[in-house]
Amino acid sequence: MHALEKIIVYYNHCKDNDIYRSVIENILKNLDKVKNANIYELADLCYTSPTTISRLSRKMGYEGFADFKMSIVNCVRNYDGYNHFVPLSMRGSLEESRKGYFRLLHQLLDRLEQDVDFAQIKRINQLLYESRKVYFFTCGNESTERHFQELLIVSGKESIVNVLPQSQKEHLKLLDEQSAVVYIAPAVSEAGDVYEVLEEMKQTRAKLILITDTKNHNYRNYADECLAFDGALCIADDHGFAVILTLLFMDFRETYLK
């Protein structure tokens, strides 16, 4: 998750009286000015203090303002590359991109139907059923996770959906041997964020169920169970993650919610 995603997710979830809400709102209104602004100039643009800007940077998981600013600048500069539903090879006119998108979804669903190991689905759900806490660490697409969270809560589990890496690391302190984390980790997410969370999670005794869109990634070395599919490494893969979670949801509901 890059800086722009982080601050938008935080903005969408924070309360109206949150000290950082208006700061983020002003950053989003002045993205074109962030590149050339120092911390004092950005503070003036946001009607706040340099100290608050520095605290926001750390809250988003960065060492300081310079790293935070660079991540925002890089995201804005490369936004056209980030924000595509199909890979470069399928892009063209709007009509060509639409056709490529539907073709990609058909391919993705066909591969998932052929490749999903339903014995593994049952094995993972047994692990979740035996856990007292089930946390979902995701990267911004929360709808399917929330449906699964509701099911787990109805089943008597403690469950949260957590999006921001810094907050995820805080929640790691609450994990124990009766906990499980379902970690949705797209290969195109900021690797530093993912590895930091995974490294810190190794120090807990919780089980890790990793869902990722590549079968060849070092992430899987951290997991007790890894559900990996061959994605296109673009936004279209969000549908693949939703399908995997839905299959887990369906099996858990039919098996354990009587």
C-alpha atoms as a PDB file:
ATOM      1  CA  MET A   1       0.000   0.000   0.000  1.00  0.00           C
ATOM      2  CA  HIS A   2       1.574   3.284  -1.106  1.00  0.00           C
ATOM      3  CA  ALA A   3       1.302   6.593   0.767  1.00  0.00           C
ATOM      4  CA  LEU A   4      -1.668   7.927  -1.186  1.00  0.00           C
ATOM      5  CA  GLU A   5      -3.652   4.757  -0.435  1.00  0.00           C
ATOM      6  CA  LYS A   6      -2.682   4.912   3.229  1.00  0.00           C
ATOM      7  CA  ILE A   7      -3.833   8.476   3.779  1.00  0.00           C
ATOM      8  CA  ILE A   8      -7.065   7.937   1.813  1.00  0.00           C
ATOM      9  CA  VAL A   9      -7.872   4.783   3.803  1.00  0.00           C
ATOM     10  CA  TYR A  10      -7.134   6.633   7.041  1.00  0.00           C
ATOM     11  CA  TYR A  11      -9.241   9.596   5.899  1.00  0.00           C
ATOM     12  CA  ASN A  12     -12.160   7.309   5.028  1.00  0.00           C
ATOM     13  CA  HIS A  13     -12.086   5.624   8.434  1.00  0.00           C
ATOM     14  CA  CYS A  14     -11.176   8.390  10.875  1.00  0.00           C
ATOM     15  CA  LYS A  15     -13.686  10.333  12.955  1.00  0.00           C
ATOM     16  CA  ASP A  16     -14.618  13.907  12.125  1.00  0.00           C
ATOM     17  CA  ASN A  17     -12.765  15.205  15.179  1.00  0.00           C
ATOM     18  CA  ASP A  18      -9.560  13.274  14.410  1.00  0.00           C
ATOM     19  CA  ILE A  19      -6.612  15.675  14.529  1.00  0.00           C
ATOM     20  CA  TYR A  20      -5.225  14.339  11.247  1.00  0.00           C
ATOM     21  CA  ARG A  21      -8.457  14.445   9.216  1.00  0.00           C
ATOM     22  CA  SER A  22      -8.215  18.068   8.099  1.00  0.00           C
ATOM     23  CA  VAL A  23      -4.451  17.704   7.553  1.00  0.00           C
ATOM     24  CA  ILE A  24      -4.968  14.787   5.155  1.00  0.00           C
ATOM     25  CA  GLU A  25      -7.845  16.596   3.466  1.00  0.00           C
ATOM     26  CA  ASN A  26      -5.558  19.540   2.716  1.00  0.00           C
ATOM     27  CA  ILE A  27      -2.750  17.275   1.495  1.00  0.00           C
ATOM     28  CA  LEU A  28      -5.201  15.645  -0.924  1.00  0.00           C
ATOM     29  CA  LYS A  29      -6.323  19.074  -2.141  1.00  0.00           C
ATOM     30  CA  ASN A  30      -2.714  20.129  -2.736  1.00  0.00           C
ATOM     31  CA  LEU A  31      -1.067  17.015  -4.189  1.00  0.00           C
ATOM     32  CA  ASP A  32       0.458  19.120  -6.963  1.00  0.00           C
ATOM     33  CA  LYS A  33       2.294  21.247  -4.371  1.00  0.00           C
ATOM     34  CA  VAL A  34       3.673  18.449  -2.184  1.00  0.00           C
ATOM     35  CA  LYS A  35       6.647  17.775  -4.482  1.00  0.00           C
ATOM     36  CA  ASN A  36       8.277  21.178  -3.922  1.00  0.00           C
ATOM     37  CA  ALA A  37       7.145  21.782  -0.341  1.00  0.00           C
ATOM     38  CA  ASN A  38       9.320  21.401   2.718  1.00  0.00           C
ATOM     39  CA  ILE A  39       7.764  20.393   6.018  1.00  0.00           C
ATOM     40  CA  TYR A  40       7.106  24.018   7.022  1.00  0.00           C
ATOM     41  CA  GLU A  41       5.459  24.876   3.709  1.00  0.00           C
ATOM     42  CA  LEU A  42       3.299  21.768   3.808  1.00  0.00           C
ATOM     43  CA  ALA A  43       2.296  22.589   7.381  1.00  0.00           C
ATOM     44  CA  ASP A  44       1.200  26.059   6.212  1.00  0.00           C
ATOM     45  CA  LEU A  45      -0.824  24.524   3.365  1.00  0.00           C
ATOM     46  CA  CYS A  46      -2.534  22.244   5.892  1.00  0.00           C
ATOM     47  CA  TYR A  47      -3.053  24.950   8.553  1.00  0.00           C
ATOM     48  CA  THR A  48      -1.121  22.920  11.072  1.00  0.00           C
ATOM     49  CA  SER A  49       2.326  22.632  12.627  1.00  0.00           C
ATOM     50  CA  PRO A  50       5.460  20.877  11.314  1.00  0.00           C
ATOM     51  CA  THR A  51       5.259  18.658  14.406  1.00  0.00           C
ATOM     52  CA  THR A  52       1.816  17.397  13.349  1.00  0.00           C
ATOM     53  CA  ILE A  53       3.080  16.695   9.822  1.00  0.00           C
ATOM     54  CA  SER A  54       5.997  14.745  11.308  1.00  0.00           C
ATOM     55  CA  ARG A  55       3.661  12.763  13.576  1.00  0.00           C
ATOM     56  CA  LEU A  56       1.360  11.981  10.642  1.00  0.00           C
ATOM     57  CA  SER A  57       4.355  10.689   8.666  1.00  0.00           C
ATOM     58  CA  ARG A  58       5.252   8.267  11.457  1.00  0.00           C
ATOM     59  CA  LYS A  59       1.608   7.299  11.947  1.00  0.00           C
ATOM     60  CA  MET A  60       1.523   6.235   8.299  1.00  0.00           C
ATOM     61  CA  GLY A  61       4.565   4.019   8.945  1.00  0.00           C
ATOM     62  CA  TYR A  62       7.375   6.213   7.603  1.00  0.00           C
ATOM     63  CA  GLU A  63      10.583   7.121   9.403  1.00  0.00           C
ATOM     64  CA  GLY A  64       9.924  10.799   8.866  1.00  0.00           C
ATOM     65  CA  PHE A  65       8.563  13.516   6.612  1.00  0.00           C
ATOM     66  CA  ALA A  66      11.137  13.003   3.833  1.00  0.00           C
ATOM     67  CA  ASP A  67      10.145   9.335   3.327  1.00  0.00           C
ATOM     68  CA  PHE A  68       6.458  10.165   3.563  1.00  0.00           C
ATOM     69  CA  LYS A  69       6.731  12.983   1.030  1.00  0.00           C
ATOM     70  CA  MET A  70       8.796  10.882  -1.398  1.00  0.00           C
ATOM     71  CA  SER A  71       6.220   8.093  -1.311  1.00  0.00           C
ATOM     72  CA  ILE A  72       3.392  10.532  -2.092  1.00  0.00           C
ATOM     73  CA  VAL A  73       5.392  12.164  -4.896  1.00  0.00           C
ATOM     74  CA  ASN A  74       6.310   8.797  -6.440  1.00  0.00           C
ATOM     75  CA  CYS A  75       2.707   7.630  -6.244  1.00  0.00           C
ATOM     76  CA  VAL A  76       1.375  10.749  -7.985  1.00  0.00           C
ATOM     77  CA  ARG A  77       4.130  10.568 -10.600  1.00  0.00           C
ATOM     78  CA  ASN A  78       3.478   6.882 -11.323  1.00  0.00           C
ATOM     79  CA  TYR A  79      -0.267   6.905 -10.796  1.00  0.00           C
ATOM     80  CA  ASP A  80      -1.004   5.947 -14.374  1.00  0.00           C
ATOM     81  CA  GLY A  81       0.996   2.767 -13.827  1.00  0.00           C
ATOM     82  CA  TYR A  82      -0.616   1.920 -10.485  1.00  0.00           C
ATOM     83  CA  ASN A  83      -4.192   2.569 -11.493  1.00  0.00           C
ATOM     84  CA  HIS A  84      -4.882   0.021 -14.219  1.00  0.00           C
ATOM     85  CA  PHE A  85      -7.264  -2.894 -14.227  1.00  0.00           C
ATOM     86  CA  VAL A  86      -5.330  -4.707 -16.949  1.00  0.00           C
ATOM     87  CA  PRO A  87      -1.589  -5.194 -17.593  1.00  0.00           C
ATOM     88  CA  LEU A  88       0.277  -3.072 -20.124  1.00  0.00           C
ATOM     89  CA  SER A  89      -0.025  -5.715 -22.858  1.00  0.00           C
ATOM     90  CA  MET A  90      -3.820  -5.385 -22.824  1.00  0.00           C
ATOM     91  CA  ARG A  91      -4.063  -1.621 -22.788  1.00  0.00           C
ATOM     92  CA  GLY A  92      -5.088   0.376 -25.815  1.00  0.00           C
ATOM     93  CA  SER A  93      -8.211   2.304 -26.645  1.00  0.00           C
ATOM     94  CA  LEU A  94     -11.008   2.353 -24.082  1.00  0.00           C
ATOM     95  CA  GLU A  95     -12.843  -0.346 -26.033  1.00  0.00           C
ATOM     96  CA  GLU A  96      -9.700  -2.510 -26.234  1.00  0.00           C
ATOM     97  CA  SER A  97      -9.086  -2.085 -22.501  1.00  0.00           C
ATOM     98  CA  ARG A  98     -12.668  -3.084 -21.726  1.00  0.00           C
ATOM     99  CA  LYS A  99     -12.387  -6.212 -23.842  1.00  0.00           C
ATOM    100  CA  GLY A 100      -9.036  -7.011 -22.250  1.00  0.00           C
ATOM    101  CA  TYR A 101     -10.537  -6.571 -18.791  1.00  0.00           C
ATOM    102  CA  PHE A 102     -13.355  -9.040 -19.441  1.00  0.00           C
ATOM    103  CA  ARG A 103     -10.930 -11.489 -21.063  1.00  0.00           C
ATOM    104  CA  LEU A 104      -8.660 -11.199 -18.035  1.00  0.00           C
ATOM    105  CA  LEU A 105     -11.526 -11.868 -15.621  1.00  0.00           C
ATOM    106  CA  HIS A 106     -12.572 -14.969 -17.559  1.00  0.00           C
ATOM    107  CA  GLN A 107      -8.976 -16.241 -17.495  1.00  0.00           C
ATOM    108  CA  LEU A 108      -8.623 -15.487 -13.793  1.00  0.00           C
ATOM    109  CA  LEU A 109     -11.863 -17.262 -12.857  1.00  0.00           C
ATOM    110  CA  ASP A 110     -11.038 -20.269 -15.042  1.00  0.00           C
ATOM    111  CA  ARG A 111      -7.605 -20.638 -13.387  1.00  0.00           C
ATOM    112  CA  LEU A 112      -9.067 -20.289  -9.917  1.00  0.00           C
ATOM    113  CA  GLU A 113     -11.740 -22.910 -10.605  1.00  0.00           C
ATOM    114  CA  GLN A 114      -9.068 -25.327 -11.816  1.00  0.00           C
ATOM    115  CA  ASP A 115      -6.367 -24.568  -9.250  1.00  0.00           C
ATOM    116  CA  VAL A 116      -8.114 -24.010  -5.919  1.00  0.00           C
ATOM    117  CA  ASP A 117      -7.327 -26.824  -3.498  1.00  0.00           C
ATOM    118  CA  PHE A 118     -10.574 -27.408  -1.623  1.00  0.00           C
ATOM    119  CA  ALA A 119      -8.856 -29.731   0.819  1.00  0.00           C
ATOM    120  CA  GLN A 120      -6.655 -26.780   1.739  1.00  0.00           C
ATOM    121  CA  ILE A 121      -9.763 -24.580   2.098  1.00  0.00           C
ATOM    122  CA  LYS A 122     -11.125 -27.056   4.654  1.00  0.00           C
ATOM    123  CA  ARG A 123      -7.756 -27.279   6.411  1.00  0.00           C
ATOM    124  CA  ILE A 124      -7.562 -23.501   6.743  1.00  0.00           C
ATOM    125  CA  ASN A 125     -11.117 -23.242   8.024  1.00  0.00           C
ATOM    126  CA  GLN A 126     -10.401 -25.898  10.633  1.00  0.00           C
ATOM    127  CA  LEU A 127      -7.504 -23.714  11.776  1.00  0.00           C
ATOM    128  CA  LEU A 128      -9.771 -20.644  11.875  1.00  0.00           C
ATOM    129  CA  TYR A 129     -12.467 -22.566  13.745  1.00  0.00           C
ATOM    130  CA  GLU A 130      -9.950 -23.579  16.403  1.00  0.00           C
ATOM    131  CA  SER A 131      -8.755 -19.982  16.839  1.00  0.00           C
ATOM    132  CA  ARG A 132     -10.248 -17.568  19.342  1.00  0.00           C
ATOM    133  CA  LYS A 133      -9.176 -14.465  17.413  1.00  0.00           C
ATOM    134  CA  VAL A 134      -9.153 -14.115  13.631  1.00  0.00           C
ATOM    135  CA  TYR A 135      -7.710 -10.914  12.200  1.00  0.00           C
ATOM    136  CA  PHE A 136      -7.811  -9.878   8.565  1.00  0.00           C
ATOM    137  CA  PHE A 137      -4.858  -7.799   7.398  1.00  0.00           C
ATOM    138  CA  THR A 138      -5.756  -6.423   4.019  1.00  0.00           C
ATOM    139  CA  CYS A 139      -4.662  -3.699   1.607  1.00  0.00           C
ATOM    140  CA  GLY A 140      -7.731  -1.565   1.171  1.00  0.00           C
ATOM    141  CA  ASN A 141     -10.417  -3.808  -0.353  1.00  0.00           C
ATOM    142  CA  GLU A 142     -12.528  -4.677   2.653  1.00  0.00           C
ATOM    143  CA  SER A 143     -15.980  -5.704   1.456  1.00  0.00           C
ATOM    144  CA  THR A 144     -15.494  -9.492   1.300  1.00  0.00           C
ATOM    145  CA  GLU A 145     -13.335  -9.422   4.432  1.00  0.00           C
ATOM    146  CA  ARG A 146     -16.129  -7.683   6.343  1.00  0.00           C
ATOM    147  CA  HIS A 147     -18.655 -10.326   5.287  1.00  0.00           C
ATOM    148  CA  PHE A 148     -16.296 -13.033   6.560  1.00  0.00           C
ATOM    149  CA  GLN A 149     -15.655 -11.014   9.718  1.00  0.00           C
ATOM    150  CA  GLU A 150     -19.408 -10.895  10.423  1.00  0.00           C
ATOM    151  CA  LEU A 151     -19.645 -14.667   9.996  1.00  0.00           C
ATOM    152  CA  LEU A 152     -16.767 -15.254  12.406  1.00  0.00           C
ATOM    153  CA  ILE A 153     -18.247 -12.909  15.008  1.00  0.00           C
ATOM    154  CA  VAL A 154     -21.605 -14.698  14.762  1.00  0.00           C
ATOM    155  CA  SER A 155     -19.628 -17.923  15.281  1.00  0.00           C
ATOM    156  CA  GLY A 156     -18.227 -16.551  18.547  1.00  0.00           C
ATOM    157  CA  LYS A 157     -14.825 -15.356  17.368  1.00  0.00           C
ATOM    158  CA  GLU A 158     -13.109 -12.051  18.050  1.00  0.00           C
ATOM    159  CA  SER A 159     -12.418 -10.592  14.620  1.00  0.00           C
ATOM    160  CA  ILE A 160     -11.186  -7.334  13.098  1.00  0.00           C
ATOM    161  CA  VAL A 161     -10.346  -6.083   9.614  1.00  0.00           C
ATOM    162  CA  ASN A 162      -7.231  -3.934   9.608  1.00  0.00           C
ATOM    163  CA  VAL A 163      -5.953  -2.023   6.593  1.00  0.00           C
ATOM    164  CA  LEU A 164      -3.042   0.224   7.575  1.00  0.00           C
ATOM    165  CA  PRO A 165       0.353  -1.480   8.073  1.00  0.00           C
ATOM    166  CA  GLN A 166       1.227   0.643  11.110  1.00  0.00           C
ATOM    167  CA  SER A 167      -2.044  -0.290  12.792  1.00  0.00           C
ATOM    168  CA  GLN A 168      -1.539  -3.931  11.790  1.00  0.00           C
ATOM    169  CA  LYS A 169       1.784  -3.929  13.621  1.00  0.00           C
ATOM    170  CA  GLU A 170       0.072  -2.549  16.710  1.00  0.00           C
ATOM    171  CA  HIS A 171      -2.509  -5.327  16.575  1.00  0.00           C
ATOM    172  CA  LEU A 172       0.241  -7.945  16.432  1.00  0.00           C
ATOM    173  CA  LYS A 173       0.753  -7.267  20.143  1.00  0.00           C
ATOM    174  CA  LEU A 174      -2.700  -8.726  20.803  1.00  0.00           C
ATOM    175  CA  LEU A 175      -2.008 -12.061  19.115  1.00  0.00           C
ATOM    176  CA  ASP A 176      -1.336 -15.334  20.906  1.00  0.00           C
ATOM    177  CA  GLU A 177      -1.326 -19.063  20.191  1.00  0.00           C
ATOM    178  CA  GLN A 178      -5.121 -18.999  19.887  1.00  0.00           C
ATOM    179  CA  SER A 179      -5.012 -16.403  17.117  1.00  0.00           C
ATOM    180  CA  ALA A 180      -4.924 -16.532  13.331  1.00  0.00           C
ATOM    181  CA  VAL A 181      -4.241 -13.827  10.766  1.00  0.00           C
ATOM    182  CA  VAL A 182      -5.604 -13.948   7.225  1.00  0.00           C
ATOM    183  CA  TYR A 183      -3.161 -11.709   5.362  1.00  0.00           C
ATOM    184  CA  ILE A 184      -4.148 -10.500   1.889  1.00  0.00           C
ATOM    185  CA  ALA A 185      -0.857  -9.515   0.250  1.00  0.00           C
ATOM    186  CA  PRO A 186      -0.890  -8.435  -3.411  1.00  0.00           C
ATOM    187  CA  ALA A 187       2.522  -8.796  -4.990  1.00  0.00           C
ATOM    188  CA  VAL A 188       2.415  -5.153  -6.120  1.00  0.00           C
ATOM    189  CA  SER A 189       1.932  -3.769  -2.597  1.00  0.00           C
ATOM    190  CA  GLU A 190       4.827  -1.899  -1.003  1.00  0.00           C
ATOM    191  CA  ALA A 191       7.189  -4.734  -0.103  1.00  0.00           C
ATOM    192  CA  GLY A 192       8.662  -2.891   2.867  1.00  0.00           C
ATOM    193  CA  ASP A 193       5.298  -2.695   4.605  1.00  0.00           C
ATOM    194  CA  VAL A 194       4.518  -6.370   4.042  1.00  0.00           C
ATOM    195  CA  TYR A 195       7.902  -7.667   5.154  1.00  0.00           C
ATOM    196  CA  GLU A 196       7.869  -5.529   8.299  1.00  0.00           C
ATOM    197  CA  VAL A 197       4.499  -6.959   9.322  1.00  0.00           C
ATOM    198  CA  LEU A 198       5.530 -10.515   8.436  1.00  0.00           C
ATOM    199  CA  GLU A 199       8.839 -10.254  10.300  1.00  0.00           C
ATOM    200  CA  GLU A 200       7.139  -8.940  13.428  1.00  0.00           C
ATOM    201  CA  MET A 201       4.450 -11.575  13.157  1.00  0.00           C
ATOM    202  CA  LYS A 202       7.106 -14.302  13.320  1.00  0.00           C
ATOM    203  CA  GLN A 203       7.661 -13.228  16.924  1.00  0.00           C
ATOM    204  CA  THR A 204       4.055 -14.091  17.806  1.00  0.00           C
ATOM    205  CA  ARG A 205       2.611 -17.583  18.134  1.00  0.00           C
ATOM    206  CA  ALA A 206      -0.348 -16.881  15.868  1.00  0.00           C
ATOM    207  CA  LYS A 207      -1.037 -18.850  12.703  1.00  0.00           C
ATOM    208  CA  LEU A 208      -0.649 -17.045   9.381  1.00  0.00           C
ATOM    209  CA  ILE A 209      -2.874 -17.746   6.385  1.00  0.00           C
ATOM    210  CA  LEU A 210      -1.433 -15.852   3.444  1.00  0.00           C
ATOM    211  CA  ILE A 211      -3.410 -15.079   0.291  1.00  0.00           C
ATOM    212  CA  THR A 212      -1.352 -13.691  -2.576  1.00  0.00           C
ATOM    213  CA  ASP A 213      -1.585 -13.307  -6.344  1.00  0.00           C
ATOM    214  CA  THR A 214       1.672 -14.997  -7.286  1.00  0.00           C
ATOM    215  CA  LYS A 215       2.833 -18.551  -6.733  1.00  0.00           C
ATOM    216  CA  ASN A 216       6.490 -17.546  -6.687  1.00  0.00           C
ATOM    217  CA  HIS A 217       7.055 -15.124  -3.849  1.00  0.00           C
ATOM    218  CA  ASN A 218       9.114 -15.132  -0.672  1.00  0.00           C
ATOM    219  CA  TYR A 219       6.001 -14.101   1.280  1.00  0.00           C
ATOM    220  CA  ARG A 220       4.904 -17.732   1.310  1.00  0.00           C
ATOM    221  CA  ASN A 221       7.943 -18.693   3.415  1.00  0.00           C
ATOM    222  CA  TYR A 222       6.337 -16.922   6.375  1.00  0.00           C
ATOM    223  CA  ALA A 223       2.974 -18.683   6.175  1.00  0.00           C
ATOM    224  CA  ASP A 224       1.478 -21.702   7.874  1.00  0.00           C
ATOM    225  CA  GLU A 225      -0.884 -21.918   4.909  1.00  0.00           C
ATOM    226  CA  CYS A 226      -0.526 -20.062   1.603  1.00  0.00           C
ATOM    227  CA  LEU A 227      -3.359 -19.708  -0.884  1.00  0.00           C
ATOM    228  CA  ALA A 228      -1.641 -18.389  -4.017  1.00  0.00           C
ATOM    229  CA  PHE A 229      -3.066 -17.856  -7.474  1.00  0.00           C
ATOM    230  CA  ASP A 230      -1.529 -16.684 -10.736  1.00  0.00           C
ATOM    231  CA  GLY A 231      -2.801 -13.147 -11.058  1.00  0.00           C
ATOM    232  CA  ALA A 232      -2.118 -10.427 -13.624  1.00  0.00           C
ATOM    233  CA  LEU A 233      -0.470  -8.204 -10.972  1.00  0.00           C
ATOM    234  CA  CYS A 234      -2.912  -5.360 -11.543  1.00  0.00           C
ATOM    235  CA  ILE A 235      -6.178  -4.136 -10.025  1.00  0.00           C
ATOM    236  CA  ALA A 236      -8.115  -6.968 -11.656  1.00  0.00           C
ATOM    237  CA  ASP A 237      -6.499  -9.317  -9.128  1.00  0.00           C
ATOM    238  CA  ASP A 238      -8.784  -7.803  -6.477  1.00  0.00           C
ATOM    239  CA  HIS A 239     -11.486 -10.084  -7.903  1.00  0.00           C
ATOM    240  CA  GLY A 240      -9.223 -13.091  -7.363  1.00  0.00           C
ATOM    241  CA  PHE A 241      -8.749 -12.228  -3.694  1.00  0.00           C
ATOM    242  CA  ALA A 242     -12.519 -11.782  -3.326  1.00  0.00           C
ATOM    243  CA  VAL A 243     -13.155 -15.199  -4.898  1.00  0.00           C
ATOM    244  CA  ILE A 244     -10.659 -16.945  -2.574  1.00  0.00           C
ATOM    245  CA  LEU A 245     -12.174 -15.289   0.505  1.00  0.00           C
ATOM    246  CA  THR A 246     -15.691 -16.134  -0.690  1.00  0.00           C
ATOM    247  CA  LEU A 247     -14.768 -19.796  -1.105  1.00  0.00           C
ATOM    248  CA  LEU A 248     -13.378 -19.822   2.436  1.00  0.00           C
ATOM    249  CA  PHE A 249     -16.511 -18.044   3.659  1.00  0.00           C
ATOM    250  CA  MET A 250     -18.855 -20.509   1.956  1.00  0.00           C
ATOM    251  CA  ASP A 251     -17.047 -23.553   3.324  1.00  0.00           C
ATOM    252  CA  PHE A 252     -16.810 -22.124   6.856  1.00  0.00           C
ATOM    253  CA  ARG A 253     -20.494 -21.234   6.905  1.00  0.00           C
ATOM    254  CA  GLU A 254     -21.661 -24.620   5.663  1.00  0.00           C
ATOM    255  CA  THR A 255     -19.282 -26.551   7.919  1.00  0.00           C
ATOM    256  CA  TYR A 256     -19.401 -24.642  11.210  1.00  0.00           C
ATOM    257  CA  LEU A 257     -22.504 -22.439  11.283  1.00  0.00           C
ATOM    258  CA  LYS A 258     -25.395 -24.806  11.803  1.00  0.00           C
END
